């Protein structure tokens, strides 16, 4: 497979496509690997051995692959992928169900008359040989389809999106012309509705009943990551300036002006005004915290008094005495 495409096309990918593919993969994977019940996870002699056995069985199952079509528009040399829909795949013949594809295409054409099938998508770490069979089968719909591949494996060290867009090019290999997949660069394109949706999804509460404390922890974690990244980049600039000062690298005045401009944007944490503002905000936060604790204690005490008065009033009525309530 060649490293990059030479077609000169510009690809724009919308977040809805990535969300659809990820959702499709998650649903299929959850159906293939249902949650382990207590009965299945507990062995007759040792529960931990049963759990380990169930865990090893679930890990031995290869990750599923999902398939679908991507739709959008092509304006000149710009291909914009807006949406996608799922397709049925036959693993024996390595082909897609054609009738289902044509029916879905007809339905989407009624709702989105300007959208056309641009190609197809799948999941996996890399393009496989069997993928070319599916790719060729779609050439009667689009003579140059694109292949969007999502890598579902989590790689914490990877900073780029796990999405690769492939095109097909005819190359002569060992004297025989063959179609091969070549990767293409792309950019993320969003509209206002997608930005609102993505922001809404990012701020959703967790499905396991997480409270506001969970959201606060996630927010603080994001702030910590941003500060950590800022610190690492400032360290890079610091080491670069030290090397420039020692004469290890040549001095560049334009870069020094940019660094000076950047440093002027950073907050002056050593100034007296910053310390005064920080202490004032810190004291205000402590006072609000103390006030919240006092309010909570007062509310708890009021509930206790109400319960005591209710119980004492019932006791007085039963005894026939003329005593009054506690409060």
C-alpha atoms as a PDB file:
ATOM      1  CA  UNK A   1       0.000   0.000   0.000  1.00  0.00           C
ATOM      2  CA  UNK A   2       1.405   3.376  -1.003  1.00  0.00           C
ATOM      3  CA  UNK A   3       2.041   6.005   1.619  1.00  0.00           C
ATOM      4  CA  UNK A   4      -0.061   8.869   0.279  1.00  0.00           C
ATOM      5  CA  UNK A   5      -2.444   9.638  -2.541  1.00  0.00           C
ATOM      6  CA  UNK A   6      -1.525  11.639  -5.623  1.00  0.00           C
ATOM      7  CA  UNK A   7      -5.066  12.442  -6.770  1.00  0.00           C
ATOM      8  CA  UNK A   8      -5.036  15.973  -5.375  1.00  0.00           C
ATOM      9  CA  UNK A   9      -8.489  15.650  -3.825  1.00  0.00           C
ATOM     10  CA  UNK A  10      -9.296  17.525  -0.617  1.00  0.00           C
ATOM     11  CA  UNK A  11     -11.324  15.558   1.913  1.00  0.00           C
ATOM     12  CA  UNK A  12     -13.484  17.119   4.628  1.00  0.00           C
ATOM     13  CA  UNK A  13     -14.872  14.799   7.280  1.00  0.00           C
ATOM     14  CA  UNK A  14     -17.774  15.721   9.571  1.00  0.00           C
ATOM     15  CA  UNK A  15     -17.938  14.520  13.212  1.00  0.00           C
ATOM     16  CA  UNK A  16     -21.297  12.830  12.601  1.00  0.00           C
ATOM     17  CA  UNK A  17     -19.566  10.184  10.482  1.00  0.00           C
ATOM     18  CA  UNK A  18     -17.113   9.326  13.272  1.00  0.00           C
ATOM     19  CA  UNK A  19     -19.912   9.200  15.839  1.00  0.00           C
ATOM     20  CA  UNK A  20     -21.985   6.888  13.623  1.00  0.00           C
ATOM     21  CA  UNK A  21     -19.110   4.477  12.986  1.00  0.00           C
ATOM     22  CA  UNK A  22     -18.130   4.410  16.661  1.00  0.00           C
ATOM     23  CA  UNK A  23     -21.737   3.824  17.720  1.00  0.00           C
ATOM     24  CA  UNK A  24     -22.132   1.041  15.133  1.00  0.00           C
ATOM     25  CA  UNK A  25     -18.994  -0.709  16.387  1.00  0.00           C
ATOM     26  CA  UNK A  26     -19.950  -0.329  20.066  1.00  0.00           C
ATOM     27  CA  UNK A  27     -23.401  -1.830  19.512  1.00  0.00           C
ATOM     28  CA  UNK A  28     -22.093  -4.807  17.551  1.00  0.00           C
ATOM     29  CA  UNK A  29     -19.334  -5.446  20.090  1.00  0.00           C
ATOM     30  CA  UNK A  30     -21.746  -5.295  23.050  1.00  0.00           C
ATOM     31  CA  UNK A  31     -24.046  -7.779  21.312  1.00  0.00           C
ATOM     32  CA  UNK A  32     -21.172 -10.184  20.674  1.00  0.00           C
ATOM     33  CA  UNK A  33     -19.771  -9.845  24.216  1.00  0.00           C
ATOM     34  CA  UNK A  34     -22.740  -9.508  26.602  1.00  0.00           C
ATOM     35  CA  UNK A  35     -22.102  -8.543  30.248  1.00  0.00           C
ATOM     36  CA  UNK A  36     -20.906 -11.407  32.462  1.00  0.00           C
ATOM     37  CA  UNK A  37     -23.562 -12.407  34.969  1.00  0.00           C
ATOM     38  CA  UNK A  38     -22.843 -13.473  38.526  1.00  0.00           C
ATOM     39  CA  UNK A  39     -23.739 -17.077  37.777  1.00  0.00           C
ATOM     40  CA  UNK A  40     -21.414 -17.215  34.811  1.00  0.00           C
ATOM     41  CA  UNK A  41     -18.598 -15.389  36.527  1.00  0.00           C
ATOM     42  CA  UNK A  42     -18.718 -17.513  39.697  1.00  0.00           C
ATOM     43  CA  UNK A  43     -17.103 -20.934  39.538  1.00  0.00           C
ATOM     44  CA  UNK A  44     -18.234 -23.833  41.808  1.00  0.00           C
ATOM     45  CA  UNK A  45     -14.958 -23.894  43.742  1.00  0.00           C
ATOM     46  CA  UNK A  46     -13.335 -20.554  43.234  1.00  0.00           C
ATOM     47  CA  UNK A  47     -15.086 -17.389  42.075  1.00  0.00           C
ATOM     48  CA  UNK A  48     -11.865 -15.677  41.001  1.00  0.00           C
ATOM     49  CA  UNK A  49     -10.962 -18.584  38.716  1.00  0.00           C
ATOM     50  CA  UNK A  50     -14.390 -18.374  37.085  1.00  0.00           C
ATOM     51  CA  UNK A  51     -14.012 -14.665  36.531  1.00  0.00           C
ATOM     52  CA  UNK A  52     -10.551 -15.148  35.034  1.00  0.00           C
ATOM     53  CA  UNK A  53     -11.876 -17.872  32.728  1.00  0.00           C
ATOM     54  CA  UNK A  54     -14.738 -15.670  31.545  1.00  0.00           C
ATOM     55  CA  UNK A  55     -12.342 -12.794  31.080  1.00  0.00           C
ATOM     56  CA  UNK A  56      -9.935 -14.894  29.017  1.00  0.00           C
ATOM     57  CA  UNK A  57     -12.784 -16.174  26.858  1.00  0.00           C
ATOM     58  CA  UNK A  58     -14.040 -12.650  26.160  1.00  0.00           C
ATOM     59  CA  UNK A  59     -10.527 -11.416  25.383  1.00  0.00           C
ATOM     60  CA  UNK A  60      -9.886 -14.322  22.981  1.00  0.00           C
ATOM     61  CA  UNK A  61     -12.812 -13.245  20.791  1.00  0.00           C
ATOM     62  CA  UNK A  62     -11.469 -11.090  17.933  1.00  0.00           C
ATOM     63  CA  UNK A  63     -12.928  -7.591  17.687  1.00  0.00           C
ATOM     64  CA  UNK A  64     -15.827  -7.384  15.241  1.00  0.00           C
ATOM     65  CA  UNK A  65     -15.766  -5.465  11.997  1.00  0.00           C
ATOM     66  CA  UNK A  66     -18.655  -3.283  10.918  1.00  0.00           C
ATOM     67  CA  UNK A  67     -19.430  -1.981   7.460  1.00  0.00           C
ATOM     68  CA  UNK A  68     -21.424   0.859   5.992  1.00  0.00           C
ATOM     69  CA  UNK A  69     -21.576   3.581   3.363  1.00  0.00           C
ATOM     70  CA  UNK A  70     -20.510   7.214   3.604  1.00  0.00           C
ATOM     71  CA  UNK A  71     -22.504   9.880   1.822  1.00  0.00           C
ATOM     72  CA  UNK A  72     -21.849  13.514   1.011  1.00  0.00           C
ATOM     73  CA  UNK A  73     -21.104  15.848  -1.862  1.00  0.00           C
ATOM     74  CA  UNK A  74     -18.193  16.479  -4.196  1.00  0.00           C
ATOM     75  CA  UNK A  75     -17.605  19.994  -5.480  1.00  0.00           C
ATOM     76  CA  UNK A  76     -14.751  20.007  -7.944  1.00  0.00           C
ATOM     77  CA  UNK A  77     -11.674  18.655  -6.170  1.00  0.00           C
ATOM     78  CA  UNK A  78     -13.258  18.881  -2.699  1.00  0.00           C
ATOM     79  CA  UNK A  79     -15.012  15.833  -1.230  1.00  0.00           C
ATOM     80  CA  UNK A  80     -17.116  16.528   1.858  1.00  0.00           C
ATOM     81  CA  UNK A  81     -18.374  13.506   3.829  1.00  0.00           C
ATOM     82  CA  UNK A  82     -21.491  14.461   5.795  1.00  0.00           C
ATOM     83  CA  UNK A  83     -23.161  11.261   6.977  1.00  0.00           C
ATOM     84  CA  UNK A  84     -23.116   7.465   6.890  1.00  0.00           C
ATOM     85  CA  UNK A  85     -25.426   4.478   7.198  1.00  0.00           C
ATOM     86  CA  UNK A  86     -24.936   0.827   8.077  1.00  0.00           C
ATOM     87  CA  UNK A  87     -24.799  -2.092   5.656  1.00  0.00           C
ATOM     88  CA  UNK A  88     -25.216  -5.856   5.913  1.00  0.00           C
ATOM     89  CA  UNK A  89     -22.038  -7.856   5.309  1.00  0.00           C
ATOM     90  CA  UNK A  90     -21.663 -11.500   4.259  1.00  0.00           C
ATOM     91  CA  UNK A  91     -18.390 -12.837   5.757  1.00  0.00           C
ATOM     92  CA  UNK A  92     -18.395 -15.939   3.539  1.00  0.00           C
ATOM     93  CA  UNK A  93     -18.477 -14.123   0.205  1.00  0.00           C
ATOM     94  CA  UNK A  94     -16.794 -10.936   1.524  1.00  0.00           C
ATOM     95  CA  UNK A  95     -19.522  -8.835  -0.057  1.00  0.00           C
ATOM     96  CA  UNK A  96     -22.265  -6.428   0.954  1.00  0.00           C
ATOM     97  CA  UNK A  97     -25.943  -7.193   0.532  1.00  0.00           C
ATOM     98  CA  UNK A  98     -26.800  -5.303  -2.631  1.00  0.00           C
ATOM     99  CA  UNK A  99     -30.570  -5.158  -2.152  1.00  0.00           C
ATOM    100  CA  UNK A 100     -30.242  -3.599   1.291  1.00  0.00           C
ATOM    101  CA  UNK A 101     -27.745  -1.066  -0.073  1.00  0.00           C
ATOM    102  CA  UNK A 102     -30.035   0.026  -2.900  1.00  0.00           C
ATOM    103  CA  UNK A 103     -33.004   0.346  -0.540  1.00  0.00           C
ATOM    104  CA  UNK A 104     -31.046   2.503   1.915  1.00  0.00           C
ATOM    105  CA  UNK A 105     -29.726   4.611  -0.965  1.00  0.00           C
ATOM    106  CA  UNK A 106     -33.264   5.227  -2.204  1.00  0.00           C
ATOM    107  CA  UNK A 107     -34.482   6.241   1.271  1.00  0.00           C
ATOM    108  CA  UNK A 108     -31.585   8.612   1.874  1.00  0.00           C
ATOM    109  CA  UNK A 109     -32.064  10.114  -1.577  1.00  0.00           C
ATOM    110  CA  UNK A 110     -35.590  11.171  -0.594  1.00  0.00           C
ATOM    111  CA  UNK A 111     -34.376  12.931   2.562  1.00  0.00           C
ATOM    112  CA  UNK A 112     -31.029  14.233   1.262  1.00  0.00           C
ATOM    113  CA  UNK A 113     -31.439  14.690  -2.506  1.00  0.00           C
ATOM    114  CA  UNK A 114     -28.024  16.387  -2.871  1.00  0.00           C
ATOM    115  CA  UNK A 115     -26.064  13.631  -1.119  1.00  0.00           C
ATOM    116  CA  UNK A 116     -24.409  10.831  -3.056  1.00  0.00           C
ATOM    117  CA  UNK A 117     -22.646   7.648  -2.006  1.00  0.00           C
ATOM    118  CA  UNK A 118     -18.985   8.568  -1.842  1.00  0.00           C
ATOM    119  CA  UNK A 119     -17.660   5.245  -0.582  1.00  0.00           C
ATOM    120  CA  UNK A 120     -17.813   2.966   2.410  1.00  0.00           C
ATOM    121  CA  UNK A 121     -16.430   2.547   5.913  1.00  0.00           C
ATOM    122  CA  UNK A 122     -15.184  -0.240   8.134  1.00  0.00           C
ATOM    123  CA  UNK A 123     -13.246  -0.824  11.355  1.00  0.00           C
ATOM    124  CA  UNK A 124      -9.827  -2.337  11.905  1.00  0.00           C
ATOM    125  CA  UNK A 125      -6.196  -1.516  12.435  1.00  0.00           C
ATOM    126  CA  UNK A 126      -5.333  -1.550   8.728  1.00  0.00           C
ATOM    127  CA  UNK A 127      -6.852  -2.210   5.330  1.00  0.00           C
ATOM    128  CA  UNK A 128      -7.091  -5.915   4.460  1.00  0.00           C
ATOM    129  CA  UNK A 129      -6.922  -7.755   1.147  1.00  0.00           C
ATOM    130  CA  UNK A 130     -10.610  -8.697   1.321  1.00  0.00           C
ATOM    131  CA  UNK A 131     -11.506  -5.001   1.538  1.00  0.00           C
ATOM    132  CA  UNK A 132     -10.561  -4.530  -2.096  1.00  0.00           C
ATOM    133  CA  UNK A 133     -13.388  -6.901  -3.095  1.00  0.00           C
ATOM    134  CA  UNK A 134     -15.936  -4.656  -1.376  1.00  0.00           C
ATOM    135  CA  UNK A 135     -14.237  -1.587  -2.828  1.00  0.00           C
ATOM    136  CA  UNK A 136     -14.501  -2.893  -6.394  1.00  0.00           C
ATOM    137  CA  UNK A 137     -18.150  -3.864  -5.885  1.00  0.00           C
ATOM    138  CA  UNK A 138     -19.022  -0.220  -5.174  1.00  0.00           C
ATOM    139  CA  UNK A 139     -17.336   1.126  -8.293  1.00  0.00           C
ATOM    140  CA  UNK A 140     -20.528   0.815 -10.323  1.00  0.00           C
ATOM    141  CA  UNK A 141     -22.134   3.339  -7.914  1.00  0.00           C
ATOM    142  CA  UNK A 142     -19.095   5.592  -7.621  1.00  0.00           C
ATOM    143  CA  UNK A 143     -16.224   5.062 -10.027  1.00  0.00           C
ATOM    144  CA  UNK A 144     -13.705   6.278  -7.441  1.00  0.00           C
ATOM    145  CA  UNK A 145     -15.069   5.400  -3.982  1.00  0.00           C
ATOM    146  CA  UNK A 146     -13.322   6.370  -0.754  1.00  0.00           C
ATOM    147  CA  UNK A 147     -12.654   4.004   2.118  1.00  0.00           C
ATOM    148  CA  UNK A 148     -12.976   5.372   5.666  1.00  0.00           C
ATOM    149  CA  UNK A 149     -11.282   3.128   8.243  1.00  0.00           C
ATOM    150  CA  UNK A 150     -11.766   3.562  12.004  1.00  0.00           C
ATOM    151  CA  UNK A 151      -9.254   1.961  14.354  1.00  0.00           C
ATOM    152  CA  UNK A 152     -11.233   0.943  17.482  1.00  0.00           C
ATOM    153  CA  UNK A 153      -8.132   0.050  19.524  1.00  0.00           C
ATOM    154  CA  UNK A 154      -7.283   2.614  22.193  1.00  0.00           C
ATOM    155  CA  UNK A 155      -3.772   4.037  21.993  1.00  0.00           C
ATOM    156  CA  UNK A 156      -3.161   6.617  24.759  1.00  0.00           C
ATOM    157  CA  UNK A 157       0.047   7.795  23.084  1.00  0.00           C
ATOM    158  CA  UNK A 158      -1.719   8.623  19.810  1.00  0.00           C
ATOM    159  CA  UNK A 159      -2.708  12.266  19.427  1.00  0.00           C
ATOM    160  CA  UNK A 160      -4.313  12.072  15.979  1.00  0.00           C
ATOM    161  CA  UNK A 161      -7.818  10.820  15.329  1.00  0.00           C
ATOM    162  CA  UNK A 162      -7.998   7.030  14.695  1.00  0.00           C
ATOM    163  CA  UNK A 163      -9.509   7.655  11.265  1.00  0.00           C
ATOM    164  CA  UNK A 164      -7.813   6.945   7.932  1.00  0.00           C
ATOM    165  CA  UNK A 165      -9.229   7.757   4.515  1.00  0.00           C
ATOM    166  CA  UNK A 166      -8.065   5.591   1.623  1.00  0.00           C
ATOM    167  CA  UNK A 167      -8.371   6.018  -2.113  1.00  0.00           C
ATOM    168  CA  UNK A 168      -7.725   3.389  -4.764  1.00  0.00           C
ATOM    169  CA  UNK A 169      -5.034   3.887  -7.401  1.00  0.00           C
ATOM    170  CA  UNK A 170      -3.904   1.701 -10.259  1.00  0.00           C
ATOM    171  CA  UNK A 171      -0.226   0.769  -9.826  1.00  0.00           C
ATOM    172  CA  UNK A 172       1.902  -1.591 -11.861  1.00  0.00           C
ATOM    173  CA  UNK A 173       3.368  -4.217  -9.529  1.00  0.00           C
ATOM    174  CA  UNK A 174       5.675  -6.877 -11.033  1.00  0.00           C
ATOM    175  CA  UNK A 175       4.430  -5.946 -14.483  1.00  0.00           C
ATOM    176  CA  UNK A 176       0.772  -6.442 -13.517  1.00  0.00           C
ATOM    177  CA  UNK A 177      -1.593  -3.454 -13.044  1.00  0.00           C
ATOM    178  CA  UNK A 178      -3.292  -3.697  -9.657  1.00  0.00           C
ATOM    179  CA  UNK A 179      -5.594  -1.533  -7.583  1.00  0.00           C
ATOM    180  CA  UNK A 180      -4.124  -0.671  -4.181  1.00  0.00           C
ATOM    181  CA  UNK A 181      -5.236   1.491  -1.268  1.00  0.00           C
ATOM    182  CA  UNK A 182      -3.417   4.772  -0.714  1.00  0.00           C
ATOM    183  CA  UNK A 183      -3.999   6.994   2.298  1.00  0.00           C
ATOM    184  CA  UNK A 184      -5.218  10.572   1.916  1.00  0.00           C
ATOM    185  CA  UNK A 185      -5.099  13.523   4.250  1.00  0.00           C
ATOM    186  CA  UNK A 186      -8.315  15.099   5.516  1.00  0.00           C
ATOM    187  CA  UNK A 187      -9.595  17.920   7.677  1.00  0.00           C
ATOM    188  CA  UNK A 188     -12.471  18.030  10.159  1.00  0.00           C
ATOM    189  CA  UNK A 189     -15.355  20.193   9.002  1.00  0.00           C
ATOM    190  CA  UNK A 190     -18.277  21.115  11.271  1.00  0.00           C
ATOM    191  CA  UNK A 191     -21.480  23.104  11.035  1.00  0.00           C
ATOM    192  CA  UNK A 192     -23.217  24.934  13.868  1.00  0.00           C
ATOM    193  CA  UNK A 193     -25.623  22.077  14.633  1.00  0.00           C
ATOM    194  CA  UNK A 194     -22.755  19.578  14.890  1.00  0.00           C
ATOM    195  CA  UNK A 195     -20.777  21.832  17.214  1.00  0.00           C
ATOM    196  CA  UNK A 196     -23.778  22.166  19.515  1.00  0.00           C
ATOM    197  CA  UNK A 197     -24.365  18.395  19.462  1.00  0.00           C
ATOM    198  CA  UNK A 198     -20.737  17.529  20.172  1.00  0.00           C
ATOM    199  CA  UNK A 199     -20.646  20.037  23.031  1.00  0.00           C
ATOM    200  CA  UNK A 200     -23.876  18.568  24.418  1.00  0.00           C
ATOM    201  CA  UNK A 201     -22.491  15.023  24.274  1.00  0.00           C
ATOM    202  CA  UNK A 202     -19.281  16.157  25.982  1.00  0.00           C
ATOM    203  CA  UNK A 203     -21.273  17.577  28.914  1.00  0.00           C
ATOM    204  CA  UNK A 204     -23.698  14.685  29.360  1.00  0.00           C
ATOM    205  CA  UNK A 205     -23.936  13.145  32.793  1.00  0.00           C
ATOM    206  CA  UNK A 206     -22.511   9.618  33.099  1.00  0.00           C
ATOM    207  CA  UNK A 207     -25.009   6.801  32.646  1.00  0.00           C
ATOM    208  CA  UNK A 208     -23.989   5.091  35.891  1.00  0.00           C
ATOM    209  CA  UNK A 209     -25.734   7.686  38.014  1.00  0.00           C
ATOM    210  CA  UNK A 210     -22.778  10.004  38.437  1.00  0.00           C
ATOM    211  CA  UNK A 211     -23.474  13.175  40.380  1.00  0.00           C
ATOM    212  CA  UNK A 212     -22.275  16.727  39.996  1.00  0.00           C
ATOM    213  CA  UNK A 213     -19.075  15.725  41.816  1.00  0.00           C
ATOM    214  CA  UNK A 214     -18.247  13.411  38.914  1.00  0.00           C
ATOM    215  CA  UNK A 215     -18.727  16.248  36.454  1.00  0.00           C
ATOM    216  CA  UNK A 216     -16.568  18.507  38.621  1.00  0.00           C
ATOM    217  CA  UNK A 217     -13.826  15.877  38.711  1.00  0.00           C
ATOM    218  CA  UNK A 218     -13.962  15.537  34.916  1.00  0.00           C
ATOM    219  CA  UNK A 219     -13.821  19.328  34.554  1.00  0.00           C
ATOM    220  CA  UNK A 220     -10.848  19.621  36.899  1.00  0.00           C
ATOM    221  CA  UNK A 221      -9.114  16.765  35.097  1.00  0.00           C
ATOM    222  CA  UNK A 222      -9.493  18.620  31.813  1.00  0.00           C
ATOM    223  CA  UNK A 223      -8.090  21.796  33.356  1.00  0.00           C
ATOM    224  CA  UNK A 224      -5.172  19.820  34.809  1.00  0.00           C
ATOM    225  CA  UNK A 225      -4.407  18.301  31.411  1.00  0.00           C
ATOM    226  CA  UNK A 226      -4.488  21.731  29.776  1.00  0.00           C
ATOM    227  CA  UNK A 227      -2.132  23.189  32.400  1.00  0.00           C
ATOM    228  CA  UNK A 228       0.161  20.176  32.047  1.00  0.00           C
ATOM    229  CA  UNK A 229       0.317  20.624  28.283  1.00  0.00           C
ATOM    230  CA  UNK A 230       0.998  24.362  28.692  1.00  0.00           C
ATOM    231  CA  UNK A 231       3.797  23.570  31.142  1.00  0.00           C
ATOM    232  CA  UNK A 232       5.401  21.059  28.760  1.00  0.00           C
ATOM    233  CA  UNK A 233       5.350  23.537  25.873  1.00  0.00           C
ATOM    234  CA  UNK A 234       6.832  26.296  28.022  1.00  0.00           C
ATOM    235  CA  UNK A 235       9.608  23.868  29.014  1.00  0.00           C
ATOM    236  CA  UNK A 236      10.333  23.212  25.343  1.00  0.00           C
ATOM    237  CA  UNK A 237      10.652  26.948  24.723  1.00  0.00           C
ATOM    238  CA  UNK A 238      12.855  27.306  27.813  1.00  0.00           C
ATOM    239  CA  UNK A 239      15.248  24.565  26.682  1.00  0.00           C
ATOM    240  CA  UNK A 240      15.313  26.057  23.194  1.00  0.00           C
ATOM    241  CA  UNK A 241      16.210  29.509  24.535  1.00  0.00           C
ATOM    242  CA  UNK A 242      18.914  28.042  26.781  1.00  0.00           C
ATOM    243  CA  UNK A 243      20.449  26.245  23.804  1.00  0.00           C
ATOM    244  CA  UNK A 244      20.291  29.479  21.809  1.00  0.00           C
ATOM    245  CA  UNK A 245      21.967  31.361  24.672  1.00  0.00           C
ATOM    246  CA  UNK A 246      24.775  28.802  24.857  1.00  0.00           C
ATOM    247  CA  UNK A 247      25.353  29.034  21.119  1.00  0.00           C
ATOM    248  CA  UNK A 248      24.337  25.448  20.370  1.00  0.00           C
ATOM    249  CA  UNK A 249      21.793  26.670  17.811  1.00  0.00           C
ATOM    250  CA  UNK A 250      21.793  29.874  15.728  1.00  0.00           C
ATOM    251  CA  UNK A 251      19.938  32.910  17.030  1.00  0.00           C
ATOM    252  CA  UNK A 252      16.703  33.798  15.216  1.00  0.00           C
ATOM    253  CA  UNK A 253      15.351  37.252  15.962  1.00  0.00           C
ATOM    254  CA  UNK A 254      11.909  36.539  14.512  1.00  0.00           C
ATOM    255  CA  UNK A 255      11.477  33.541  16.816  1.00  0.00           C
ATOM    256  CA  UNK A 256      12.681  35.570  19.816  1.00  0.00           C
ATOM    257  CA  UNK A 257      10.038  38.213  19.068  1.00  0.00           C
ATOM    258  CA  UNK A 258       7.347  35.534  18.947  1.00  0.00           C
ATOM    259  CA  UNK A 259       8.532  34.068  22.271  1.00  0.00           C
ATOM    260  CA  UNK A 260       8.553  37.542  23.831  1.00  0.00           C
ATOM    261  CA  UNK A 261       5.029  38.181  22.612  1.00  0.00           C
ATOM    262  CA  UNK A 262       3.921  34.821  24.019  1.00  0.00           C
ATOM    263  CA  UNK A 263       5.487  35.485  27.412  1.00  0.00           C
ATOM    264  CA  UNK A 264       3.685  38.798  27.686  1.00  0.00           C
ATOM    265  CA  UNK A 265       0.388  36.908  27.389  1.00  0.00           C
ATOM    266  CA  UNK A 266       1.167  34.636  30.344  1.00  0.00           C
ATOM    267  CA  UNK A 267      -0.150  35.755  33.751  1.00  0.00           C
ATOM    268  CA  UNK A 268       2.430  37.395  36.018  1.00  0.00           C
ATOM    269  CA  UNK A 269       1.985  35.041  38.997  1.00  0.00           C
ATOM    270  CA  UNK A 270       4.757  36.663  41.001  1.00  0.00           C
ATOM    271  CA  UNK A 271       3.200  40.117  41.119  1.00  0.00           C
ATOM    272  CA  UNK A 272       1.658  41.533  44.280  1.00  0.00           C
ATOM    273  CA  UNK A 273      -1.670  42.183  42.579  1.00  0.00           C
ATOM    274  CA  UNK A 274      -1.939  38.550  41.612  1.00  0.00           C
ATOM    275  CA  UNK A 275      -1.263  37.439  45.181  1.00  0.00           C
ATOM    276  CA  UNK A 276      -3.905  39.839  46.549  1.00  0.00           C
ATOM    277  CA  UNK A 277      -6.499  38.734  44.001  1.00  0.00           C
ATOM    278  CA  UNK A 278      -5.666  35.083  44.587  1.00  0.00           C
ATOM    279  CA  UNK A 279      -5.955  35.366  48.386  1.00  0.00           C
ATOM    280  CA  UNK A 280      -9.220  37.287  48.094  1.00  0.00           C
ATOM    281  CA  UNK A 281     -10.731  34.650  45.784  1.00  0.00           C
ATOM    282  CA  UNK A 282      -9.386  31.875  47.993  1.00  0.00           C
ATOM    283  CA  UNK A 283     -10.955  33.425  51.114  1.00  0.00           C
ATOM    284  CA  UNK A 284     -14.261  33.927  49.313  1.00  0.00           C
ATOM    285  CA  UNK A 285     -14.238  30.265  48.301  1.00  0.00           C
ATOM    286  CA  UNK A 286     -13.550  29.186  51.890  1.00  0.00           C
ATOM    287  CA  UNK A 287     -16.370  31.392  53.197  1.00  0.00           C
ATOM    288  CA  UNK A 288     -18.789  29.925  50.654  1.00  0.00           C
ATOM    289  CA  UNK A 289     -17.696  26.437  51.681  1.00  0.00           C
ATOM    290  CA  UNK A 290     -18.199  27.207  55.386  1.00  0.00           C
ATOM    291  CA  UNK A 291     -21.585  28.758  54.634  1.00  0.00           C
ATOM    292  CA  UNK A 292     -22.621  25.634  52.713  1.00  0.00           C
ATOM    293  CA  UNK A 293     -21.555  23.425  55.656  1.00  0.00           C
ATOM    294  CA  UNK A 294     -23.497  25.574  58.144  1.00  0.00           C
ATOM    295  CA  UNK A 295     -26.568  25.561  55.916  1.00  0.00           C
ATOM    296  CA  UNK A 296     -26.377  21.778  55.605  1.00  0.00           C
ATOM    297  CA  UNK A 297     -26.049  21.382  59.393  1.00  0.00           C
ATOM    298  CA  UNK A 298     -28.955  23.743  59.986  1.00  0.00           C
ATOM    299  CA  UNK A 299     -31.133  21.833  57.528  1.00  0.00           C
ATOM    300  CA  UNK A 300     -30.237  18.528  59.190  1.00  0.00           C
ATOM    301  CA  UNK A 301     -31.023  19.970  62.628  1.00  0.00           C
ATOM    302  CA  UNK A 302     -34.405  21.272  61.439  1.00  0.00           C
ATOM    303  CA  UNK A 303     -35.302  17.833  60.085  1.00  0.00           C
ATOM    304  CA  UNK A 304     -34.313  16.265  63.408  1.00  0.00           C
ATOM    305  CA  UNK A 305     -36.412  18.774  65.369  1.00  0.00           C
ATOM    306  CA  UNK A 306     -39.418  18.177  63.127  1.00  0.00           C
ATOM    307  CA  UNK A 307     -39.146  14.423  63.640  1.00  0.00           C
ATOM    308  CA  UNK A 308     -38.769  14.889  67.424  1.00  0.00           C
ATOM    309  CA  UNK A 309     -41.802  17.183  67.605  1.00  0.00           C
ATOM    310  CA  UNK A 310     -43.876  14.735  65.577  1.00  0.00           C
ATOM    311  CA  UNK A 311     -42.920  11.802  67.810  1.00  0.00           C
ATOM    312  CA  UNK A 312     -43.383  13.852  71.049  1.00  0.00           C
ATOM    313  CA  UNK A 313     -46.798  15.102  69.894  1.00  0.00           C
ATOM    314  CA  UNK A 314     -47.982  11.531  69.287  1.00  0.00           C
ATOM    315  CA  UNK A 315     -46.689  10.490  72.724  1.00  0.00           C
ATOM    316  CA  UNK A 316     -48.539  13.394  74.390  1.00  0.00           C
ATOM    317  CA  UNK A 317     -51.822  12.478  72.695  1.00  0.00           C
ATOM    318  CA  UNK A 318     -51.559   8.866  73.835  1.00  0.00           C
ATOM    319  CA  UNK A 319     -50.746   9.847  77.464  1.00  0.00           C
ATOM    320  CA  UNK A 320     -53.526  12.428  77.603  1.00  0.00           C
ATOM    321  CA  UNK A 321     -51.189  15.000  79.154  1.00  0.00           C
ATOM    322  CA  UNK A 322     -51.166  18.662  78.427  1.00  0.00           C
ATOM    323  CA  UNK A 323     -47.497  18.986  77.635  1.00  0.00           C
ATOM    324  CA  UNK A 324     -46.433  21.147  74.746  1.00  0.00           C
ATOM    325  CA  UNK A 325     -44.022  20.354  71.972  1.00  0.00           C
ATOM    326  CA  UNK A 326     -40.279  20.563  72.401  1.00  0.00           C
ATOM    327  CA  UNK A 327     -40.071  23.612  70.122  1.00  0.00           C
END
